[in-house]
């Protein structure tokens, strides 16, 4: 196969139908059928994720929409993050309305291949170079239907689609595994340090088995006898705000920003590069550090524990605070989960206008932390460490798989690599 067998065909000639419910706002309800938004469409997932979803009633489903999605349609985001695409699963358990359309390709064009093509660097660059809007990017439908996509012979298309789907499925499987491991860790923390049913000397749940509790005036609740309450500034080595970066597109030190921290994890792919050697060294983050988003509405208070580093010289920008535990006073993993559990409280410590709230190190340092005995912290950490190691290994494998997939796709499309 060579590149001459590849044709560029306008999208409008490749589809049977476009599901387009844009133009007016769909009425929502407190429960019912999930309504997904553009934040649910990510290139880290084959299918849409369910984050911050709303709902519609059955009546709205039956009467409001011009058309409904079918399995194997491809959702294409027009506004905000134009060009993001996902496949609609089977069965279809949701609806979409604003800022995206559903592309129903003709049967001879397998959705796995079309997904790979639409996510390819070539097509993504074309979309980025042709969208409009400086504040909110928008890829107009009239440009979408004219978008020319590379089409190979069917046998090659199907092979490429299968490879892309298999590699992406393994990445998605690892992501699901990591979500489950994260949830296991949070559940254990809650069981031991919120419900106070950690194992007593006999291995039985402490509080449920009649363990002695004392009332804390500060926390306005009962806590296990012998536990202490310290404010954060008393048990950490330092609270450090990040740098004011000077960004470079080519090389430098990765900088974690607010957008990188969500769902208690760090997305290193969203880092930008700082092109000047860092000073002082304490602003280089370490494994075990805890990162706290410290500015903004909706982002302030987000917390992530540093489980791994893709680059040993990594820092954060000035909107993020590094919390580094004093290991002589508190276990870093225990402290990290304590801060994760207190994200709502952390957000309330922010000050400023509704447009720009700010969390000072002084206010963050006043956060009360309930400290169990050191041996219990250590027991918790010994259970959590293997889970974090598994999560880190999955993330590293995903990097390798994504790199292979994204290197292989253009090679396959150009005929430089042939699939037998």
Protein backbone atom coordinates (compact mmCIF):
# COMPACT_ATOMS: atom_id res chain seq x y z
CA UNK A 1 0.00 0.00 0.00
CA UNK A 2 1.26 3.54 -0.69
CA UNK A 3 0.01 7.04 -0.06
CA UNK A 4 -1.54 7.27 -3.55
CA UNK A 5 -4.34 4.97 -2.44
CA UNK A 6 -5.45 7.52 0.13
CA UNK A 7 -8.25 9.91 -0.86
CA UNK A 8 -9.46 13.02 0.95
CA UNK A 9 -13.24 13.12 1.02
CA UNK A 10 -15.47 15.86 2.54
CA UNK A 11 -17.23 14.73 5.70
CA UNK A 12 -20.65 15.48 4.21
CA UNK A 13 -20.04 12.71 1.64
CA UNK A 14 -19.11 10.20 4.34
CA UNK A 15 -22.15 10.55 6.63
CA UNK A 16 -25.74 9.40 6.33
CA UNK A 17 -27.02 11.81 8.97
CA UNK A 18 -25.93 14.45 11.48
CA UNK A 19 -27.75 14.60 14.81
CA UNK A 20 -27.91 18.32 15.56
CA UNK A 21 -29.94 19.55 18.53
CA UNK A 22 -28.12 22.86 18.94
CA UNK A 23 -29.77 26.25 18.85
CA UNK A 24 -31.80 26.35 22.06
CA UNK A 25 -31.31 25.26 25.65
CA UNK A 26 -32.87 21.96 26.64
CA UNK A 27 -35.02 22.09 29.82
CA UNK A 28 -33.49 20.00 32.61
CA UNK A 29 -34.90 18.20 35.64
CA UNK A 30 -33.55 16.89 38.95
CA UNK A 31 -33.56 13.29 37.73
CA UNK A 32 -34.29 11.22 34.66
CA UNK A 33 -32.21 10.64 31.53
CA UNK A 34 -28.58 11.85 31.72
CA UNK A 35 -27.74 14.91 29.63
CA UNK A 36 -24.02 15.05 28.85
CA UNK A 37 -22.05 18.20 28.07
CA UNK A 38 -18.76 18.83 26.28
CA UNK A 39 -16.74 18.16 29.45
CA UNK A 40 -17.75 14.49 29.05
CA UNK A 41 -15.99 14.20 25.68
CA UNK A 42 -12.29 13.45 26.20
CA UNK A 43 -9.63 11.87 24.05
CA UNK A 44 -8.52 9.83 27.05
CA UNK A 45 -11.71 7.77 26.70
CA UNK A 46 -13.34 5.97 23.77
CA UNK A 47 -16.82 6.67 25.11
CA UNK A 48 -18.18 9.75 26.92
CA UNK A 49 -17.51 9.97 30.64
CA UNK A 50 -20.22 11.01 33.10
CA UNK A 51 -19.00 14.12 34.93
CA UNK A 52 -21.18 16.93 36.29
CA UNK A 53 -24.11 15.67 34.28
CA UNK A 54 -27.65 17.05 34.33
CA UNK A 55 -30.90 15.26 33.55
CA UNK A 56 -33.98 15.59 31.39
CA UNK A 57 -37.47 14.18 31.80
CA UNK A 58 -39.01 11.49 29.61
CA UNK A 59 -41.40 14.09 28.21
CA UNK A 60 -38.51 16.30 27.15
CA UNK A 61 -36.78 13.28 25.61
CA UNK A 62 -39.88 12.46 23.56
CA UNK A 63 -40.83 15.97 22.44
CA UNK A 64 -37.90 18.39 22.54
CA UNK A 65 -35.16 16.78 20.44
CA UNK A 66 -34.99 16.96 16.66
CA UNK A 67 -33.23 13.59 16.53
CA UNK A 68 -31.66 11.08 18.90
CA UNK A 69 -28.25 9.46 18.97
CA UNK A 70 -27.67 5.85 17.95
CA UNK A 71 -24.87 3.52 19.02
CA UNK A 72 -21.67 4.00 16.97
CA UNK A 73 -22.51 7.62 16.16
CA UNK A 74 -19.48 9.82 16.78
CA UNK A 75 -19.98 12.84 19.02
CA UNK A 76 -18.13 15.89 17.73
CA UNK A 77 -17.64 18.94 19.96
CA UNK A 78 -18.21 22.21 18.10
CA UNK A 79 -17.73 24.76 20.86
CA UNK A 80 -15.32 25.27 23.73
CA UNK A 81 -12.96 22.40 22.87
CA UNK A 82 -13.73 21.96 19.16
CA UNK A 83 -12.65 18.69 17.61
CA UNK A 84 -12.96 16.41 20.62
CA UNK A 85 -14.70 13.19 19.63
CA UNK A 86 -16.07 10.03 21.26
CA UNK A 87 -18.12 7.03 20.15
CA UNK A 88 -21.70 6.59 21.36
CA UNK A 89 -21.88 3.22 23.18
CA UNK A 90 -24.46 0.46 22.98
CA UNK A 91 -26.93 0.83 24.63
CA UNK A 92 -27.35 4.59 24.41
CA UNK A 93 -28.03 5.72 27.98
CA UNK A 94 -27.83 9.51 27.55
CA UNK A 95 -28.68 12.47 25.35
CA UNK A 96 -26.68 15.49 24.23
CA UNK A 97 -27.81 18.89 23.08
CA UNK A 98 -25.67 21.99 23.19
CA UNK A 99 -22.26 22.52 21.60
CA UNK A 100 -21.88 19.14 19.90
CA UNK A 101 -23.34 17.04 17.09
CA UNK A 102 -23.60 13.32 16.36
CA UNK A 103 -21.99 12.08 13.14
CA UNK A 104 -23.61 8.95 11.69
CA UNK A 105 -21.16 7.64 9.11
CA UNK A 106 -22.18 5.37 6.27
CA UNK A 107 -21.93 1.65 7.07
CA UNK A 108 -18.80 1.09 4.98
CA UNK A 109 -16.86 3.52 7.22
CA UNK A 110 -16.29 1.73 10.51
CA UNK A 111 -16.66 4.05 13.54
CA UNK A 112 -13.31 2.88 15.00
CA UNK A 113 -11.50 4.05 11.89
CA UNK A 114 -13.41 7.33 11.75
CA UNK A 115 -12.65 7.94 15.44
CA UNK A 116 -8.94 7.36 14.77
CA UNK A 117 -8.99 9.72 11.79
CA UNK A 118 -10.83 12.49 13.62
CA UNK A 119 -8.42 12.22 16.57
CA UNK A 120 -5.33 12.14 14.36
CA UNK A 121 -2.84 14.97 14.67
CA UNK A 122 -3.42 15.91 11.04
CA UNK A 123 -7.18 16.46 11.42
CA UNK A 124 -6.93 17.96 14.89
CA UNK A 125 -4.45 20.54 13.57
CA UNK A 126 -6.81 21.33 10.69
CA UNK A 127 -9.67 21.91 13.12
CA UNK A 128 -7.54 24.09 15.41
CA UNK A 129 -6.40 26.19 12.46
CA UNK A 130 -9.94 26.77 11.20
CA UNK A 131 -12.08 27.38 14.29
CA UNK A 132 -13.32 30.86 15.12
CA UNK A 133 -13.73 32.78 18.38
CA UNK A 134 -10.95 34.12 20.58
CA UNK A 135 -12.67 33.68 23.95
CA UNK A 136 -14.75 30.56 23.22
CA UNK A 137 -13.45 28.62 20.20
CA UNK A 138 -16.17 27.47 17.81
CA UNK A 139 -15.92 25.16 14.80
CA UNK A 140 -18.88 25.99 12.61
CA UNK A 141 -21.04 23.29 11.10
CA UNK A 142 -20.51 24.65 7.60
CA UNK A 143 -16.78 24.08 8.10
CA UNK A 144 -17.35 20.66 9.64
CA UNK A 145 -19.23 19.24 6.66
CA UNK A 146 -16.48 20.46 4.33
CA UNK A 147 -13.71 18.93 6.47
CA UNK A 148 -11.78 16.53 4.24
CA UNK A 149 -10.85 13.23 5.86
CA UNK A 150 -8.24 10.72 4.65
CA UNK A 151 -9.95 7.55 3.43
CA UNK A 152 -8.09 4.33 2.58
CA UNK A 153 -9.31 1.04 1.12
CA UNK A 154 -11.83 -0.71 3.37
CA UNK A 155 -9.57 -3.59 4.41
CA UNK A 156 -6.91 -1.11 5.54
CA UNK A 157 -9.46 1.11 7.26
CA UNK A 158 -10.82 -1.76 9.29
CA UNK A 159 -7.35 -2.93 10.35
CA UNK A 160 -6.32 0.56 11.43
CA UNK A 161 -9.57 1.05 13.31
CA UNK A 162 -9.10 -2.25 15.13
CA UNK A 163 -5.54 -1.38 16.17
CA UNK A 164 -6.56 2.07 17.37
CA UNK A 165 -9.53 0.67 19.31
CA UNK A 166 -7.51 -2.13 20.95
CA UNK A 167 -4.75 0.20 22.15
CA UNK A 168 -7.30 2.77 23.35
CA UNK A 169 -9.32 0.06 25.11
CA UNK A 170 -6.27 -1.04 27.09
CA UNK A 171 -5.66 2.58 28.13
CA UNK A 172 -9.30 2.92 29.15
CA UNK A 173 -9.15 -0.35 31.10
CA UNK A 174 -6.14 0.96 33.03
CA UNK A 175 -8.00 4.21 33.72
CA UNK A 176 -11.00 2.30 35.09
CA UNK A 177 -8.69 0.19 37.24
CA UNK A 178 -7.06 3.34 38.61
CA UNK A 179 -10.44 4.86 39.43
CA UNK A 180 -11.38 1.72 41.36
CA UNK A 181 -8.06 1.70 43.22
CA UNK A 182 -8.48 5.38 44.11
CA UNK A 183 -11.98 4.68 45.38
CA UNK A 184 -10.74 1.74 47.48
CA UNK A 185 -8.15 4.00 49.11
CA UNK A 186 -10.72 6.72 49.85
CA UNK A 187 -13.14 4.16 51.26
CA UNK A 188 -10.49 2.80 53.61
CA UNK A 189 -9.61 6.31 54.78
CA UNK A 190 -13.27 7.07 55.42
CA UNK A 191 -13.83 3.81 57.29
CA UNK A 192 -10.78 4.26 59.54
CA UNK A 193 -10.56 8.01 60.05
CA UNK A 194 -14.09 9.37 59.54
CA UNK A 195 -16.24 6.53 60.89
CA UNK A 196 -13.41 5.57 63.32
CA UNK A 197 -13.77 1.85 62.65
CA UNK A 198 -10.06 1.19 62.28
CA UNK A 199 -8.89 -2.18 63.69
CA UNK A 200 -8.53 -2.16 67.47
CA UNK A 201 -6.00 -4.32 69.33
CA UNK A 202 -8.22 -7.36 68.72
CA UNK A 203 -8.65 -6.55 65.02
CA UNK A 204 -12.27 -5.45 65.51
CA UNK A 205 -13.79 -2.13 64.33
CA UNK A 206 -12.85 0.42 67.03
CA UNK A 207 -15.98 2.53 67.39
CA UNK A 208 -18.50 -0.20 66.55
CA UNK A 209 -16.87 -2.43 69.18
CA UNK A 210 -17.22 0.17 71.94
CA UNK A 211 -13.86 1.97 71.65
CA UNK A 212 -13.63 4.96 73.98
CA UNK A 213 -14.60 8.30 72.39
CA UNK A 214 -14.15 11.84 73.72
CA UNK A 215 -15.89 15.04 72.61
CA UNK A 216 -13.87 17.64 70.70
CA UNK A 217 -15.05 21.23 71.11
CA UNK A 218 -13.01 22.30 68.09
CA UNK A 219 -14.46 19.69 65.72
CA UNK A 220 -17.87 19.59 67.41
CA UNK A 221 -17.89 15.79 67.38
CA UNK A 222 -16.59 12.78 69.25
CA UNK A 223 -13.14 11.46 68.36
CA UNK A 224 -11.17 8.42 69.57
CA UNK A 225 -9.41 8.85 72.89
CA UNK A 226 -5.74 9.75 72.48
CA UNK A 227 -6.05 11.39 69.07
CA UNK A 228 -4.74 14.93 68.66
CA UNK A 229 -5.86 17.95 66.65
CA UNK A 230 -3.22 20.14 65.00
CA UNK A 231 -3.54 22.89 62.47
CA UNK A 232 -1.82 22.18 59.16
CA UNK A 233 0.99 24.67 59.70
CA UNK A 234 2.12 22.71 62.79
CA UNK A 235 2.60 19.37 61.02
CA UNK A 236 4.03 20.23 57.63
CA UNK A 237 7.60 21.14 56.78
CA UNK A 238 6.49 23.98 54.53
CA UNK A 239 3.66 25.52 52.55
CA UNK A 240 5.10 26.75 49.25
CA UNK A 241 3.37 28.69 46.47
CA UNK A 242 4.58 27.99 42.95
CA UNK A 243 6.45 30.12 40.48
CA UNK A 244 5.39 32.78 38.01
CA UNK A 245 6.44 30.89 34.89
CA UNK A 246 8.08 32.18 31.75
CA UNK A 247 6.71 29.71 29.25
CA UNK A 248 8.54 28.05 26.38
CA UNK A 249 7.02 25.95 23.62
CA UNK A 250 10.17 23.90 22.99
CA UNK A 251 11.95 22.89 26.19
CA UNK A 252 12.11 23.57 29.89
CA UNK A 253 10.72 22.43 33.20
CA UNK A 254 7.11 21.10 33.35
CA UNK A 255 4.76 23.37 35.31
CA UNK A 256 1.58 21.97 36.88
CA UNK A 257 -1.28 24.48 36.77
CA UNK A 258 -4.86 24.54 38.06
CA UNK A 259 -6.20 22.72 35.00
CA UNK A 260 -3.85 19.79 35.67
CA UNK A 261 -5.48 19.01 39.03
CA UNK A 262 -8.91 17.41 38.98
CA UNK A 263 -10.53 14.33 40.48
CA UNK A 264 -7.59 14.18 42.93
CA UNK A 265 -5.17 13.28 40.14
CA UNK A 266 -2.56 15.17 38.11
CA UNK A 267 -2.85 15.29 34.33
CA UNK A 268 0.77 15.89 33.28
CA UNK A 269 -0.26 16.20 29.63
CA UNK A 270 -1.69 19.65 30.43
CA UNK A 271 1.61 20.94 31.85
CA UNK A 272 3.43 23.76 30.10
CA UNK A 273 7.19 24.33 30.11
CA UNK A 274 9.10 26.97 32.09
CA UNK A 275 12.31 27.95 30.30
CA UNK A 276 14.46 29.22 33.20
CA UNK A 277 16.30 27.12 35.79
CA UNK A 278 14.28 27.14 39.01
CA UNK A 279 15.36 28.84 42.22
CA UNK A 280 14.83 28.00 45.03
CA UNK A 281 14.97 24.20 44.86
CA UNK A 282 12.09 23.77 47.32
CA UNK A 283 9.65 24.64 44.53
CA UNK A 284 10.59 21.40 42.74
CA UNK A 285 7.89 18.93 43.76
CA UNK A 286 8.59 15.48 45.19
CA UNK A 287 6.64 12.23 45.34
CA UNK A 288 4.45 12.44 48.45
CA UNK A 289 3.89 16.19 48.17
CA UNK A 290 0.27 17.38 48.25
CA UNK A 291 -0.86 20.00 45.73
CA UNK A 292 -3.73 22.38 46.55
CA UNK A 293 -5.33 24.67 43.98
CA UNK A 294 -5.30 28.07 45.66
CA UNK A 295 -7.09 30.50 43.33
CA UNK A 296 -10.22 30.68 41.22
CA UNK A 297 -13.90 29.91 41.45
CA UNK A 298 -14.65 26.22 40.94
CA UNK A 299 -10.99 25.22 41.04
CA UNK A 300 -9.92 26.48 44.47
CA UNK A 301 -9.59 23.64 46.96
CA UNK A 302 -8.87 20.85 44.51
CA UNK A 303 -6.27 18.50 45.99
CA UNK A 304 -3.95 15.90 44.48
CA UNK A 305 -1.22 13.72 46.00
CA UNK A 306 1.94 13.44 43.88
CA UNK A 307 2.16 9.67 43.20
CA UNK A 308 4.75 9.83 40.42
CA UNK A 309 6.71 12.25 38.27
CA UNK A 310 7.27 12.15 34.53
CA UNK A 311 10.16 14.59 34.95
CA UNK A 312 12.21 14.89 38.14
CA UNK A 313 12.39 18.66 37.58
CA UNK A 314 8.68 19.50 37.86
CA UNK A 315 7.12 22.46 39.63
CA UNK A 316 3.76 24.24 40.02
CA UNK A 317 2.64 27.73 39.08
CA UNK A 318 1.67 30.46 41.53
CA UNK A 319 -1.97 29.34 41.62
CA UNK A 320 -1.00 26.07 43.36
CA UNK A 321 0.35 25.49 46.88
CA UNK A 322 2.76 22.66 47.70
CA UNK A 323 2.08 21.03 51.09
CA UNK A 324 5.04 18.96 52.25
CA UNK A 325 4.52 16.81 55.35
CA UNK A 326 6.96 16.75 58.25
CA UNK A 327 7.49 12.98 58.37
CA UNK A 328 8.47 13.18 62.05
CA UNK A 329 4.96 14.40 62.88
CA UNK A 330 2.63 12.96 60.25
CA UNK A 331 2.66 10.35 57.49
CA UNK A 332 2.54 12.04 54.06
CA UNK A 333 -0.06 9.63 52.65
CA UNK A 334 -2.32 10.05 55.66
CA UNK A 335 -2.00 13.84 55.42
CA UNK A 336 -2.72 13.72 51.70
CA UNK A 337 -5.96 11.81 52.18
CA UNK A 338 -6.91 14.12 55.05
CA UNK A 339 -6.64 17.12 52.71
CA UNK A 340 -8.51 15.29 49.95
CA UNK A 341 -11.36 14.69 52.42
CA UNK A 342 -11.40 18.39 53.37
CA UNK A 343 -11.69 19.99 49.93
CA UNK A 344 -14.97 21.73 50.80
CA UNK A 345 -13.44 23.14 54.00
CA UNK A 346 -10.34 24.27 52.09
CA UNK A 347 -12.47 26.08 49.52
CA UNK A 348 -14.22 28.01 52.31
CA UNK A 349 -10.84 29.33 53.52
CA UNK A 350 -10.48 31.35 50.33
CA UNK A 351 -10.98 35.11 50.36
CA UNK A 352 -11.81 37.71 47.74
CA UNK A 353 -14.50 38.54 45.22
CA UNK A 354 -16.76 36.01 43.56
CA UNK A 355 -14.75 36.49 40.37
CA UNK A 356 -11.36 35.70 41.89
CA UNK A 357 -11.00 34.01 45.26
CA UNK A 358 -7.57 33.43 46.77
CA UNK A 359 -6.36 30.95 49.38
CA UNK A 360 -3.38 32.32 51.29
CA UNK A 361 -0.79 30.05 52.87
CA UNK A 362 -1.69 31.58 56.22
CA UNK A 363 -5.34 30.60 55.91
CA UNK A 364 -4.51 27.14 54.58
CA UNK A 365 -2.17 26.67 57.53
CA UNK A 366 -5.13 27.17 59.92
CA UNK A 367 -6.92 24.06 58.64
CA UNK A 368 -7.47 21.65 61.58
CA UNK A 369 -6.15 18.10 61.04
CA UNK A 370 -7.23 15.21 63.25
CA UNK A 371 -4.17 13.06 63.97
CA UNK A 372 -4.46 9.41 64.98
CA UNK A 373 -1.57 7.64 66.67
CA UNK A 374 1.51 7.24 64.47
CA UNK A 375 1.30 3.43 64.27
CA UNK A 376 -2.23 3.68 62.80
CA UNK A 377 -1.06 6.21 60.22
CA UNK A 378 1.76 3.84 59.28
CA UNK A 379 -0.64 0.89 58.97
CA UNK A 380 -2.83 2.94 56.64
CA UNK A 381 0.15 3.98 54.52
CA UNK A 382 1.38 0.36 54.23
CA UNK A 383 -1.97 -0.59 52.65
CA UNK A 384 -2.17 2.44 50.37
CA UNK A 385 1.39 2.36 48.99
CA UNK A 386 0.89 -0.81 46.88
CA UNK A 387 -2.34 0.68 45.46
CA UNK A 388 -0.48 3.85 44.48
CA UNK A 389 2.30 1.80 42.93
CA UNK A 390 -0.26 -0.04 40.80
CA UNK A 391 -1.86 3.27 39.80
CA UNK A 392 1.55 4.70 38.85
CA UNK A 393 2.43 1.61 36.82
CA UNK A 394 -0.88 1.83 34.96
CA UNK A 395 -0.28 5.51 34.21
CA UNK A 396 3.23 4.77 32.91
CA UNK A 397 1.88 1.96 30.73
CA UNK A 398 -0.78 4.30 29.37
CA UNK A 399 1.90 6.79 28.36
CA UNK A 400 3.71 4.05 26.44
CA UNK A 401 0.51 2.79 24.80
CA UNK A 402 -0.62 6.29 23.82
CA UNK A 403 2.82 7.08 22.42
CA UNK A 404 2.80 3.87 20.37
CA UNK A 405 -0.75 4.50 19.15
CA UNK A 406 -0.09 8.11 18.20
CA UNK A 407 3.18 7.21 16.45
CA UNK A 408 1.66 4.25 14.64
CA UNK A 409 -1.50 5.95 13.35
CA UNK A 410 0.12 8.36 10.84
CA UNK A 411 2.55 5.63 9.76
CA UNK A 412 -0.38 3.34 8.96
CA UNK A 413 -2.31 6.12 7.25
CA UNK A 414 0.67 6.98 5.02
CA UNK A 415 1.49 3.38 4.14
CA UNK A 416 4.85 3.48 5.90
CA UNK A 417 3.76 0.55 8.08
CA UNK A 418 1.56 -2.23 6.76
CA UNK A 419 -0.70 -4.44 8.84
CA UNK A 420 -0.80 -8.08 7.78
